[in-house]
C-alpha cells in the first residue's frame, strides 16, 4: 500500500532534479528546509526523526541535497521527507512537506478504530 502523506503523494516519485527544484523554491521564499526520516509512516506518528543538525540557516540547495544523499545511505529502506518551515509571522509553520524516498516494499499499516460511549 502506497503511503500518501504530504504534497505530491499521489504523483509518481520525484527524481533528484525535481526534488532540488522544490528545495530551490522553498529557499527562494526564505523558508527553512529540513530532512526527516522514519521507519513508521503511520499517520499518528507525526514526529519523524530529524536528520543530522538542523539545516535552518542554509541557503545552498546543494547542501540539502548532500544531506539527503547521506540520509539515503544510512536509511536505504526507510521513508525520507523534506519539510519547509515559514517563520515570517513569528511562528515556525510547516508550509511544504513531501516524501522523497520510500522502502522497496510498503506493507502499509493497521488502523483500529474504537467507538466510545
PDB file of N, CA and C in Angstrom:
ATOM      1  N   UNK A   1       0.843  -1.174   0.000  1.00  0.00           N
ATOM      2  CA  UNK A   1       0.000   0.000   0.000  1.00  0.00           C
ATOM      3  C   UNK A   1       0.889   1.238   0.000  1.00  0.00           C
ATOM      4  N   UNK A   2       0.705   2.093  -0.963  1.00  0.00           N
ATOM      5  CA  UNK A   2       1.499   3.319  -1.065  1.00  0.00           C
ATOM      6  C   UNK A   2       1.003   4.326  -0.032  1.00  0.00           C
ATOM      7  N   UNK A   3       1.921   4.786   0.809  1.00  0.00           N
ATOM      8  CA  UNK A   3       1.587   5.783   1.822  1.00  0.00           C
ATOM      9  C   UNK A   3       1.419   7.131   1.133  1.00  0.00           C
ATOM     10  N   UNK A   4       0.311   7.796   1.424  1.00  0.00           N
ATOM     11  CA  UNK A   4       0.035   9.102   0.814  1.00  0.00           C
ATOM     12  C   UNK A   4       0.008  10.162   1.901  1.00  0.00           C
ATOM     13  N   UNK A   5       1.152  10.787   2.107  1.00  0.00           N
ATOM     14  CA  UNK A   5       1.284  11.862   3.088  1.00  0.00           C
ATOM     15  C   UNK A   5       2.046  13.012   2.449  1.00  0.00           C
ATOM     16  N   UNK A   6       1.601  14.216   2.683  1.00  0.00           N
ATOM     17  CA  UNK A   6       2.310  15.388   2.194  1.00  0.00           C
ATOM     18  C   UNK A   6       1.977  15.718   0.751  1.00  0.00           C
ATOM     19  N   UNK A   7       2.643  16.734   0.256  1.00  0.00           N
ATOM     20  CA  UNK A   7       2.451  17.176  -1.131  1.00  0.00           C
ATOM     21  C   UNK A   7       2.958  16.108  -2.094  1.00  0.00           C
ATOM     22  N   UNK A   8       2.394  16.071  -3.259  1.00  0.00           N
ATOM     23  CA  UNK A   8       2.833  15.208  -4.363  1.00  0.00           C
ATOM     24  C   UNK A   8       2.676  13.716  -4.091  1.00  0.00           C
ATOM     25  N   UNK A   9       1.983  13.315  -3.033  1.00  0.00           N
ATOM     26  CA  UNK A   9       1.944  11.902  -2.658  1.00  0.00           C
ATOM     27  C   UNK A   9       1.120  11.042  -3.613  1.00  0.00           C
ATOM     28  N   UNK A  10       0.280  11.661  -4.433  1.00  0.00           N
ATOM     29  CA  UNK A  10      -0.488  10.885  -5.402  1.00  0.00           C
ATOM     30  C   UNK A  10       0.168  10.905  -6.781  1.00  0.00           C
ATOM     31  N   UNK A  11       1.309  11.571  -6.888  1.00  0.00           N
ATOM     32  CA  UNK A  11       2.062  11.625  -8.139  1.00  0.00           C
ATOM     33  C   UNK A  11       3.170  10.576  -8.112  1.00  0.00           C
ATOM     34  N   UNK A  12       3.751  10.269  -9.268  1.00  0.00           N
ATOM     35  CA  UNK A  12       4.925   9.384  -9.252  1.00  0.00           C
ATOM     36  C   UNK A  12       6.039  10.016  -8.411  1.00  0.00           C
ATOM     37  N   UNK A  13       6.944   9.186  -7.909  1.00  0.00           N
ATOM     38  CA  UNK A  13       8.048   9.691  -7.089  1.00  0.00           C
ATOM     39  C   UNK A  13       8.848  10.749  -7.844  1.00  0.00           C
ATOM     40  N   UNK A  14       9.293  11.760  -7.120  1.00  0.00           N
ATOM     41  CA  UNK A  14      10.102  12.821  -7.710  1.00  0.00           C
ATOM     42  C   UNK A  14      11.539  12.335  -7.887  1.00  0.00           C
ATOM     43  N   UNK A  15      12.174  12.757  -8.984  1.00  0.00           N
ATOM     44  CA  UNK A  15      13.600  12.459  -9.142  1.00  0.00           C
ATOM     45  C   UNK A  15      14.405  13.566  -8.462  1.00  0.00           C
ATOM     46  N   UNK A  16      15.725  13.410  -8.415  1.00  0.00           N
ATOM     47  CA  UNK A  16      16.555  14.375  -7.692  1.00  0.00           C
ATOM     48  C   UNK A  16      16.463  15.785  -8.272  1.00  0.00           C
ATOM     49  N   UNK A  17      16.333  15.895  -9.576  1.00  0.00           N
ATOM     50  CA  UNK A  17      16.201  17.218 -10.203  1.00  0.00           C
ATOM     51  C   UNK A  17      14.908  17.904  -9.756  1.00  0.00           C
ATOM     52  N   UNK A  18      13.823  17.151  -9.702  1.00  0.00           N
ATOM     53  CA  UNK A  18      12.543  17.708  -9.254  1.00  0.00           C
ATOM     54  C   UNK A  18      12.573  18.047  -7.766  1.00  0.00           C
ATOM     55  N   UNK A  19      13.235  17.207  -6.972  1.00  0.00           N
ATOM     56  CA  UNK A  19      13.376  17.494  -5.540  1.00  0.00           C
ATOM     57  C   UNK A  19      14.153  18.788  -5.352  1.00  0.00           C
ATOM     58  N   UNK A  20      15.264  18.917  -6.077  1.00  0.00           N
ATOM     59  CA  UNK A  20      16.085  20.127  -5.960  1.00  0.00           C
ATOM     60  C   UNK A  20      15.294  21.364  -6.371  1.00  0.00           C
ATOM     61  N   UNK A  21      14.454  21.254  -7.386  1.00  0.00           N
ATOM     62  CA  UNK A  21      13.629  22.394  -7.808  1.00  0.00           C
ATOM     63  C   UNK A  21      12.691  22.833  -6.685  1.00  0.00           C
ATOM     64  N   UNK A  22      12.135  21.889  -5.945  1.00  0.00           N
ATOM     65  CA  UNK A  22      11.269  22.237  -4.818  1.00  0.00           C
ATOM     66  C   UNK A  22      12.069  22.888  -3.689  1.00  0.00           C
ATOM     67  N   UNK A  23      13.285  22.395  -3.462  1.00  0.00           N
ATOM     68  CA  UNK A  23      14.155  22.979  -2.435  1.00  0.00           C
ATOM     69  C   UNK A  23      14.529  24.409  -2.820  1.00  0.00           C
ATOM     70  N   UNK A  24      14.875  24.621  -4.086  1.00  0.00           N
ATOM     71  CA  UNK A  24      15.203  25.971  -4.570  1.00  0.00           C
ATOM     72  C   UNK A  24      14.012  26.895  -4.363  1.00  0.00           C
ATOM     73  N   UNK A  25      12.817  26.426  -4.695  1.00  0.00           N
ATOM     74  CA  UNK A  25      11.611  27.238  -4.498  1.00  0.00           C
ATOM     75  C   UNK A  25      11.435  27.605  -3.028  1.00  0.00           C
ATOM     76  N   UNK A  26      11.554  26.610  -2.143  1.00  0.00           N
ATOM     77  CA  UNK A  26      11.374  26.863  -0.709  1.00  0.00           C
ATOM     78  C   UNK A  26      12.402  27.867  -0.198  1.00  0.00           C
ATOM     79  N   UNK A  27      13.644  27.700  -0.599  1.00  0.00           N
ATOM     80  CA  UNK A  27      14.689  28.621  -0.147  1.00  0.00           C
ATOM     81  C   UNK A  27      14.495  30.023  -0.716  1.00  0.00           C
ATOM     82  N   UNK A  28      13.959  30.109  -1.936  1.00  0.00           N
ATOM     83  CA  UNK A  28      13.713  31.432  -2.529  1.00  0.00           C
ATOM     84  C   UNK A  28      12.630  32.196  -1.772  1.00  0.00           C
ATOM     85  N   UNK A  29      11.767  31.472  -1.073  1.00  0.00           N
ATOM     86  CA  UNK A  29      10.726  32.092  -0.252  1.00  0.00           C
ATOM     87  C   UNK A  29      11.234  32.445   1.143  1.00  0.00           C
ATOM     88  N   UNK A  30      12.481  32.048   1.453  1.00  0.00           N
ATOM     89  CA  UNK A  30      13.038  32.303   2.778  1.00  0.00           C
ATOM     90  C   UNK A  30      12.645  31.262   3.808  1.00  0.00           C
ATOM     91  N   UNK A  31      12.148  30.121   3.348  1.00  0.00           N
ATOM     92  CA  UNK A  31      11.726  29.066   4.258  1.00  0.00           C
ATOM     93  C   UNK A  31      12.927  28.230   4.700  1.00  0.00           C
ATOM     94  N   UNK A  32      12.910  27.780   5.922  1.00  0.00           N
ATOM     95  CA  UNK A  32      13.932  26.870   6.441  1.00  0.00           C
ATOM     96  C   UNK A  32      13.575  25.454   6.001  1.00  0.00           C
ATOM     97  N   UNK A  33      14.561  24.712   5.543  1.00  0.00           N
ATOM     98  CA  UNK A  33      14.324  23.387   4.983  1.00  0.00           C
ATOM     99  C   UNK A  33      15.044  22.335   5.832  1.00  0.00           C
ATOM    100  N   UNK A  34      14.391  21.184   6.008  1.00  0.00           N
ATOM    101  CA  UNK A  34      14.990  20.107   6.800  1.00  0.00           C
ATOM    102  C   UNK A  34      14.702  18.750   6.168  1.00  0.00           C
ATOM    103  N   UNK A  35      15.506  17.760   6.573  1.00  0.00           N
ATOM    104  CA  UNK A  35      15.337  16.373   6.132  1.00  0.00           C
ATOM    105  C   UNK A  35      14.939  15.552   7.350  1.00  0.00           C
ATOM    106  N   UNK A  36      13.903  14.721   7.211  1.00  0.00           N
ATOM    107  CA  UNK A  36      13.464  13.830   8.282  1.00  0.00           C
ATOM    108  C   UNK A  36      13.301  12.425   7.726  1.00  0.00           C
ATOM    109  N   UNK A  37      13.385  11.430   8.606  1.00  0.00           N
ATOM    110  CA  UNK A  37      13.221  10.038   8.186  1.00  0.00           C
ATOM    111  C   UNK A  37      12.476   9.252   9.265  1.00  0.00           C
ATOM    112  N   UNK A  38      11.913   8.117   8.849  1.00  0.00           N
ATOM    113  CA  UNK A  38      11.242   7.212   9.785  1.00  0.00           C
ATOM    114  C   UNK A  38      11.143   5.829   9.164  1.00  0.00           C
ATOM    115  N   UNK A  39      10.889   4.841  10.015  1.00  0.00           N
ATOM    116  CA  UNK A  39      10.527   3.513   9.524  1.00  0.00           C
ATOM    117  C   UNK A  39       9.075   3.208   9.880  1.00  0.00           C
ATOM    118  N   UNK A  40       8.390   4.187  10.465  1.00  0.00           N
ATOM    119  CA  UNK A  40       6.985   4.045  10.857  1.00  0.00           C
ATOM    120  C   UNK A  40       6.176   5.221  10.303  1.00  0.00           C
ATOM    121  N   UNK A  41       5.581   5.062   9.112  1.00  0.00           N
ATOM    122  CA  UNK A  41       4.864   6.170   8.494  1.00  0.00           C
ATOM    123  C   UNK A  41       3.409   6.307   8.936  1.00  0.00           C
ATOM    124  N   UNK A  42       3.022   5.626  10.004  1.00  0.00           N
ATOM    125  CA  UNK A  42       1.636   5.696  10.471  1.00  0.00           C
ATOM    126  C   UNK A  42       1.215   7.161  10.635  1.00  0.00           C
ATOM    127  N   UNK A  43       0.000   7.516  10.224  1.00  0.00           N
ATOM    128  CA  UNK A  43      -0.445   8.913  10.326  1.00  0.00           C
ATOM    129  C   UNK A  43      -0.360   9.499  11.731  1.00  0.00           C
ATOM    130  N   UNK A  44      -0.468   8.656  12.752  1.00  0.00           N
ATOM    131  CA  UNK A  44      -0.374   9.178  14.122  1.00  0.00           C
ATOM    132  C   UNK A  44       1.073   9.421  14.549  1.00  0.00           C
ATOM    133  N   UNK A  45       2.019   8.948  13.766  1.00  0.00           N
ATOM    134  CA  UNK A  45       3.435   9.194  14.038  1.00  0.00           C
ATOM    135  C   UNK A  45       3.835  10.478  13.302  1.00  0.00           C
ATOM    136  N   UNK A  46       3.472  11.599  13.854  1.00  0.00           N
ATOM    137  CA  UNK A  46       3.744  12.872  13.180  1.00  0.00           C
ATOM    138  C   UNK A  46       5.145  13.399  13.453  1.00  0.00           C
ATOM    139  N   UNK A  47       5.869  12.771  14.376  1.00  0.00           N
ATOM    140  CA  UNK A  47       7.217  13.226  14.701  1.00  0.00           C
ATOM    141  C   UNK A  47       8.248  12.264  14.124  1.00  0.00           C
ATOM    142  N   UNK A  48       8.720  12.560  12.933  1.00  0.00           N
ATOM    143  CA  UNK A  48       9.772  11.770  12.316  1.00  0.00           C
ATOM    144  C   UNK A  48      11.108  12.221  12.898  1.00  0.00           C
ATOM    145  N   UNK A  49      12.163  11.451  12.659  1.00  0.00           N
ATOM    146  CA  UNK A  49      13.500  11.770  13.164  1.00  0.00           C
ATOM    147  C   UNK A  49      14.148  12.838  12.285  1.00  0.00           C
ATOM    148  N   UNK A  50      14.640  13.894  12.903  1.00  0.00           N
ATOM    149  CA  UNK A  50      15.370  14.928  12.177  1.00  0.00           C
ATOM    150  C   UNK A  50      16.726  14.364  11.785  1.00  0.00           C
ATOM    151  N   UNK A  51      17.097  14.517  10.511  1.00  0.00           N
ATOM    152  CA  UNK A  51      18.385  14.029  10.053  1.00  0.00           C
ATOM    153  C   UNK A  51      19.472  15.050  10.380  1.00  0.00           C
ATOM    154  N   UNK A  52      20.481  14.617  11.110  1.00  0.00           N
ATOM    155  CA  UNK A  52      21.633  15.461  11.400  1.00  0.00           C
ATOM    156  C   UNK A  52      21.271  16.699  12.197  1.00  0.00           C
ATOM    157  N   UNK A  53      22.040  17.738  11.984  1.00  0.00           N
ATOM    158  CA  UNK A  53      21.785  19.013  12.643  1.00  0.00           C
ATOM    159  C   UNK A  53      20.711  19.772  11.881  1.00  0.00           C
ATOM    160  N   UNK A  54      20.007  20.670  12.541  1.00  0.00           N
ATOM    161  CA  UNK A  54      19.028  21.482  11.810  1.00  0.00           C
ATOM    162  C   UNK A  54      19.702  22.261  10.676  1.00  0.00           C
ATOM    163  N   UNK A  55      19.055  22.301   9.542  1.00  0.00           N
ATOM    164  CA  UNK A  55      19.595  22.976   8.358  1.00  0.00           C
ATOM    165  C   UNK A  55      18.898  24.312   8.137  1.00  0.00           C
ATOM    166  N   UNK A  56      18.434  24.912   9.203  1.00  0.00           N
ATOM    167  CA  UNK A  56      17.550  26.061   9.080  1.00  0.00           C
ATOM    168  C   UNK A  56      18.192  27.293   8.463  1.00  0.00           C
ATOM    169  N   UNK A  57      19.514  27.432   8.537  1.00  0.00           N
ATOM    170  CA  UNK A  57      20.133  28.653   8.029  1.00  0.00           C
ATOM    171  C   UNK A  57      20.861  28.468   6.702  1.00  0.00           C
ATOM    172  N   UNK A  58      20.779  27.294   6.096  1.00  0.00           N
ATOM    173  CA  UNK A  58      21.490  27.104   4.830  1.00  0.00           C
ATOM    174  C   UNK A  58      20.739  27.794   3.696  1.00  0.00           C
ATOM    175  N   UNK A  59      21.498  28.287   2.732  1.00  0.00           N
ATOM    176  CA  UNK A  59      20.924  28.959   1.569  1.00  0.00           C
ATOM    177  C   UNK A  59      21.296  28.254   0.269  1.00  0.00           C
ATOM    178  N   UNK A  60      22.073  27.186   0.369  1.00  0.00           N
ATOM    179  CA  UNK A  60      22.558  26.472  -0.806  1.00  0.00           C
ATOM    180  C   UNK A  60      21.809  25.148  -0.959  1.00  0.00           C
ATOM    181  N   UNK A  61      21.028  24.995  -2.019  1.00  0.00           N
ATOM    182  CA  UNK A  61      20.291  23.738  -2.213  1.00  0.00           C
ATOM    183  C   UNK A  61      21.206  22.515  -2.291  1.00  0.00           C
ATOM    184  N   UNK A  62      22.437  22.702  -2.750  1.00  0.00           N
ATOM    185  CA  UNK A  62      23.369  21.575  -2.846  1.00  0.00           C
ATOM    186  C   UNK A  62      23.669  20.994  -1.466  1.00  0.00           C
ATOM    187  N   UNK A  63      23.703  21.836  -0.445  1.00  0.00           N
ATOM    188  CA  UNK A  63      23.955  21.349   0.917  1.00  0.00           C
ATOM    189  C   UNK A  63      22.823  20.440   1.378  1.00  0.00           C
ATOM    190  N   UNK A  64      21.589  20.833   1.091  1.00  0.00           N
ATOM    191  CA  UNK A  64      20.462  19.988   1.484  1.00  0.00           C
ATOM    192  C   UNK A  64      20.456  18.689   0.678  1.00  0.00           C
ATOM    193  N   UNK A  65      20.765  18.777  -0.614  1.00  0.00           N
ATOM    194  CA  UNK A  65      20.795  17.570  -1.436  1.00  0.00           C
ATOM    195  C   UNK A  65      21.904  16.619  -0.969  1.00  0.00           C
ATOM    196  N   UNK A  66      23.019  17.165  -0.497  1.00  0.00           N
ATOM    197  CA  UNK A  66      24.081  16.332   0.067  1.00  0.00           C
ATOM    198  C   UNK A  66      23.568  15.601   1.310  1.00  0.00           C
ATOM    199  N   UNK A  67      22.914  16.328   2.207  1.00  0.00           N
ATOM    200  CA  UNK A  67      22.378  15.711   3.428  1.00  0.00           C
ATOM    201  C   UNK A  67      21.323  14.666   3.091  1.00  0.00           C
ATOM    202  N   UNK A  68      20.512  14.928   2.082  1.00  0.00           N
ATOM    203  CA  UNK A  68      19.527  13.943   1.636  1.00  0.00           C
ATOM    204  C   UNK A  68      20.229  12.670   1.168  1.00  0.00           C
ATOM    205  N   UNK A  69      21.301  12.822   0.403  1.00  0.00           N
ATOM    206  CA  UNK A  69      22.064  11.663  -0.057  1.00  0.00           C
ATOM    207  C   UNK A  69      22.653  10.861   1.090  1.00  0.00           C
ATOM    208  N   UNK A  70      23.167  11.553   2.099  1.00  0.00           N
ATOM    209  CA  UNK A  70      23.723  10.871   3.268  1.00  0.00           C
ATOM    210  C   UNK A  70      22.628  10.136   4.041  1.00  0.00           C
ATOM    211  N   UNK A  71      21.472  10.756   4.169  1.00  0.00           N
ATOM    212  CA  UNK A  71      20.346  10.116   4.854  1.00  0.00           C
ATOM    213  C   UNK A  71      19.906   8.867   4.092  1.00  0.00           C
ATOM    214  N   UNK A  72      19.901   8.946   2.769  1.00  0.00           N
ATOM    215  CA  UNK A  72      19.536   7.783   1.952  1.00  0.00           C
ATOM    216  C   UNK A  72      20.513   6.628   2.153  1.00  0.00           C
ATOM    217  N   UNK A  73      21.805   6.942   2.290  1.00  0.00           N
ATOM    218  CA  UNK A  73      22.809   5.892   2.501  1.00  0.00           C
ATOM    219  C   UNK A  73      22.570   5.152   3.814  1.00  0.00           C
ATOM    220  N   UNK A  74      22.240   5.896   4.861  1.00  0.00           N
ATOM    221  CA  UNK A  74      22.048   5.303   6.188  1.00  0.00           C
ATOM    222  C   UNK A  74      20.682   4.629   6.311  1.00  0.00           C
ATOM    223  N   UNK A  75      19.692   5.124   5.589  1.00  0.00           N
ATOM    224  CA  UNK A  75      18.314   4.607   5.669  1.00  0.00           C
ATOM    225  C   UNK A  75      17.824   4.171   4.285  1.00  0.00           C
ATOM    226  N   UNK A  76      18.457   3.150   3.685  1.00  0.00           N
ATOM    227  CA  UNK A  76      18.085   2.785   2.316  1.00  0.00           C
ATOM    228  C   UNK A  76      16.666   2.236   2.178  1.00  0.00           C
ATOM    229  N   UNK A  77      16.095   1.729   3.242  1.00  0.00           N
ATOM    230  CA  UNK A  77      14.742   1.170   3.186  1.00  0.00           C
ATOM    231  C   UNK A  77      13.779   1.933   4.091  1.00  0.00           C
ATOM    232  N   UNK A  78      14.084   3.170   4.376  1.00  0.00           N
ATOM    233  CA  UNK A  78      13.208   3.978   5.221  1.00  0.00           C
ATOM    234  C   UNK A  78      12.463   5.022   4.412  1.00  0.00           C
ATOM    235  N   UNK A  79      11.552   5.673   5.075  1.00  0.00           N
ATOM    236  CA  UNK A  79      10.845   6.807   4.486  1.00  0.00           C
ATOM    237  C   UNK A  79      11.644   8.070   4.803  1.00  0.00           C
ATOM    238  N   UNK A  80      11.827   8.916   3.803  1.00  0.00           N
ATOM    239  CA  UNK A  80      12.529  10.182   3.992  1.00  0.00           C
ATOM    240  C   UNK A  80      11.659  11.280   3.396  1.00  0.00           C
ATOM    241  N   UNK A  81      11.565  12.391   4.124  1.00  0.00           N
ATOM    242  CA  UNK A  81      10.797  13.517   3.599  1.00  0.00           C
ATOM    243  C   UNK A  81      11.557  14.819   3.805  1.00  0.00           C
ATOM    244  N   UNK A  82      11.175  15.795   3.021  1.00  0.00           N
ATOM    245  CA  UNK A  82      11.716  17.146   3.141  1.00  0.00           C
ATOM    246  C   UNK A  82      10.593  18.040   3.622  1.00  0.00           C
ATOM    247  N   UNK A  83      10.907  18.864   4.605  1.00  0.00           N
ATOM    248  CA  UNK A  83       9.953  19.835   5.146  1.00  0.00           C
ATOM    249  C   UNK A  83      10.495  21.239   4.942  1.00  0.00           C
ATOM    250  N   UNK A  84       9.598  22.183   4.754  1.00  0.00           N
ATOM    251  CA  UNK A  84       9.972  23.597   4.695  1.00  0.00           C
ATOM    252  C   UNK A  84       9.104  24.350   5.693  1.00  0.00           C
ATOM    253  N   UNK A  85       9.739  25.240   6.444  1.00  0.00           N
ATOM    254  CA  UNK A  85       9.069  25.990   7.503  1.00  0.00           C
ATOM    255  C   UNK A  85       9.152  27.483   7.237  1.00  0.00           C
ATOM    256  N   UNK A  86       8.055  28.173   7.472  1.00  0.00           N
ATOM    257  CA  UNK A  86       7.990  29.623   7.301  1.00  0.00           C
ATOM    258  C   UNK A  86       7.903  30.277   8.673  1.00  0.00           C
ATOM    259  N   UNK A  87       8.898  31.084   9.001  1.00  0.00           N
ATOM    260  CA  UNK A  87       8.922  31.770  10.299  1.00  0.00           C
ATOM    261  C   UNK A  87       8.628  33.262  10.143  1.00  0.00           C
ATOM    262  N   UNK A  88       8.072  33.662   9.003  1.00  0.00           N
ATOM    263  CA  UNK A  88       7.906  35.094   8.729  1.00  0.00           C
ATOM    264  C   UNK A  88       6.900  35.781   9.643  1.00  0.00           C
ATOM    265  N   UNK A  89       5.964  35.054  10.217  1.00  0.00           N
ATOM    266  CA  UNK A  89       4.988  35.707  11.104  1.00  0.00           C
ATOM    267  C   UNK A  89       5.294  35.457  12.574  1.00  0.00           C
ATOM    268  N   UNK A  90       6.518  35.001  12.858  1.00  0.00           N
ATOM    269  CA  UNK A  90       6.930  34.817  14.244  1.00  0.00           C
ATOM    270  C   UNK A  90       6.715  33.426  14.795  1.00  0.00           C
ATOM    271  N   UNK A  91       6.130  32.543  14.010  1.00  0.00           N
ATOM    272  CA  UNK A  91       5.987  31.145  14.420  1.00  0.00           C
ATOM    273  C   UNK A  91       6.568  30.270  13.324  1.00  0.00           C
ATOM    274  N   UNK A  92       6.998  29.107  13.686  1.00  0.00           N
ATOM    275  CA  UNK A  92       7.598  28.175  12.732  1.00  0.00           C
ATOM    276  C   UNK A  92       6.490  27.259  12.213  1.00  0.00           C
ATOM    277  N   UNK A  93       5.962  27.553  11.024  1.00  0.00           N
ATOM    278  CA  UNK A  93       4.851  26.787  10.461  1.00  0.00           C
ATOM    279  C   UNK A  93       5.319  25.972   9.267  1.00  0.00           C
ATOM    280  N   UNK A  94       4.953  24.696   9.234  1.00  0.00           N
ATOM    281  CA  UNK A  94       5.299  23.839   8.102  1.00  0.00           C
ATOM    282  C   UNK A  94       4.428  24.236   6.910  1.00  0.00           C
ATOM    283  N   UNK A  95       5.074  24.650   5.825  1.00  0.00           N
ATOM    284  CA  UNK A  95       4.338  25.099   4.648  1.00  0.00           C
ATOM    285  C   UNK A  95       4.518  24.167   3.451  1.00  0.00           C
ATOM    286  N   UNK A  96       5.466  23.251   3.541  1.00  0.00           N
ATOM    287  CA  UNK A  96       5.698  22.302   2.461  1.00  0.00           C
ATOM    288  C   UNK A  96       6.311  21.042   3.059  1.00  0.00           C
ATOM    289  N   UNK A  97       5.774  19.892   2.702  1.00  0.00           N
ATOM    290  CA  UNK A  97       6.300  18.626   3.192  1.00  0.00           C
ATOM    291  C   UNK A  97       6.019  17.563   2.138  1.00  0.00           C
ATOM    292  N   UNK A  98       7.049  16.811   1.758  1.00  0.00           N
ATOM    293  CA  UNK A  98       6.831  15.761   0.764  1.00  0.00           C
ATOM    294  C   UNK A  98       7.843  14.634   0.944  1.00  0.00           C
ATOM    295  N   UNK A  99       7.379  13.418   0.665  1.00  0.00           N
ATOM    296  CA  UNK A  99       8.212  12.223   0.777  1.00  0.00           C
ATOM    297  C   UNK A  99       9.116  12.141  -0.446  1.00  0.00           C
ATOM    298  N   UNK A 100      10.415  11.901  -0.200  1.00  0.00           N
ATOM    299  CA  UNK A 100      11.382  11.802  -1.294  1.00  0.00           C
ATOM    300  C   UNK A 100      11.960  10.397  -1.438  1.00  0.00           C
ATOM    301  N   UNK A 101      11.697   9.532  -0.466  1.00  0.00           N
ATOM    302  CA  UNK A 101      12.135   8.138  -0.568  1.00  0.00           C
ATOM    303  C   UNK A 101      11.173   7.249   0.193  1.00  0.00           C
ATOM    304  N   UNK A 102      10.941   6.073  -0.394  1.00  0.00           N
ATOM    305  CA  UNK A 102      10.083   5.059   0.215  1.00  0.00           C
ATOM    306  C   UNK A 102      10.825   3.730   0.210  1.00  0.00           C
ATOM    307  N   UNK A 103      10.448   2.813   1.093  1.00  0.00           N
ATOM    308  CA  UNK A 103      11.063   1.479   1.023  1.00  0.00           C
ATOM    309  C   UNK A 103      10.613   0.749  -0.240  1.00  0.00           C
ATOM    310  N   UNK A 104      11.377  -0.253  -0.644  1.00  0.00           N
ATOM    311  CA  UNK A 104      11.022  -1.001  -1.854  1.00  0.00           C
ATOM    312  C   UNK A 104       9.701  -1.746  -1.685  1.00  0.00           C
ATOM    313  N   UNK A 105       9.371  -2.118  -0.448  1.00  0.00           N
ATOM    314  CA  UNK A 105       8.094  -2.766  -0.160  1.00  0.00           C
ATOM    315  C   UNK A 105       7.372  -1.961   0.919  1.00  0.00           C
ATOM    316  N   UNK A 106       6.211  -1.434   0.582  1.00  0.00           N
ATOM    317  CA  UNK A 106       5.418  -0.676   1.551  1.00  0.00           C
ATOM    318  C   UNK A 106       4.268  -1.550   2.042  1.00  0.00           C
ATOM    319  N   UNK A 107       4.416  -2.161   3.218  1.00  0.00           N
ATOM    320  CA  UNK A 107       3.378  -3.069   3.695  1.00  0.00           C
ATOM    321  C   UNK A 107       2.120  -2.366   4.179  1.00  0.00           C
ATOM    322  N   UNK A 108       2.183  -1.066   4.390  1.00  0.00           N
ATOM    323  CA  UNK A 108       1.031  -0.350   4.933  1.00  0.00           C
ATOM    324  C   UNK A 108       1.026  -0.414   6.444  1.00  0.00           C
ATOM    325  N   UNK A 109      -0.118  -0.147   7.033  1.00  0.00           N
ATOM    326  CA  UNK A 109      -0.242  -0.164   8.484  1.00  0.00           C
ATOM    327  C   UNK A 109      -1.684  -0.458   8.829  1.00  0.00           C
ATOM    328  N   UNK A 110      -1.905  -0.828  10.068  1.00  0.00           N
ATOM    329  CA  UNK A 110      -3.237  -1.182  10.541  1.00  0.00           C
ATOM    330  C   UNK A 110      -3.776  -0.047  11.388  1.00  0.00           C
ATOM    331  N   UNK A 111      -4.989   0.344  11.112  1.00  0.00           N
ATOM    332  CA  UNK A 111      -5.646   1.400  11.876  1.00  0.00           C
ATOM    333  C   UNK A 111      -6.875   0.803  12.547  1.00  0.00           C
ATOM    334  N   UNK A 112      -6.896   0.813  13.861  1.00  0.00           N
ATOM    335  CA  UNK A 112      -8.019   0.271  14.611  1.00  0.00           C
ATOM    336  C   UNK A 112      -8.821   1.416  15.211  1.00  0.00           C
ATOM    337  N   UNK A 113     -10.104   1.436  14.919  1.00  0.00           N
ATOM    338  CA  UNK A 113     -10.979   2.470  15.477  1.00  0.00           C
ATOM    339  C   UNK A 113     -11.755   1.905  16.648  1.00  0.00           C
ATOM    340  N   UNK A 114     -11.877   2.700  17.683  1.00  0.00           N
ATOM    341  CA  UNK A 114     -12.640   2.304  18.865  1.00  0.00           C
ATOM    342  C   UNK A 114     -13.784   3.276  19.068  1.00  0.00           C
ATOM    343  N   UNK A 115     -14.977   2.734  19.193  1.00  0.00           N
ATOM    344  CA  UNK A 115     -16.143   3.561  19.486  1.00  0.00           C
ATOM    345  C   UNK A 115     -16.245   3.753  20.986  1.00  0.00           C
ATOM    346  N   UNK A 116     -16.415   4.978  21.407  1.00  0.00           N
ATOM    347  CA  UNK A 116     -16.535   5.284  22.834  1.00  0.00           C
ATOM    348  C   UNK A 116     -17.958   5.758  23.102  1.00  0.00           C
ATOM    349  N   UNK A 117     -18.539   5.169  24.128  1.00  0.00           N
ATOM    350  CA  UNK A 117     -19.795   5.662  24.645  1.00  0.00           C
ATOM    351  C   UNK A 117     -21.007   5.175  24.055  1.00  0.00           C
TER     352      UNK A 117
END
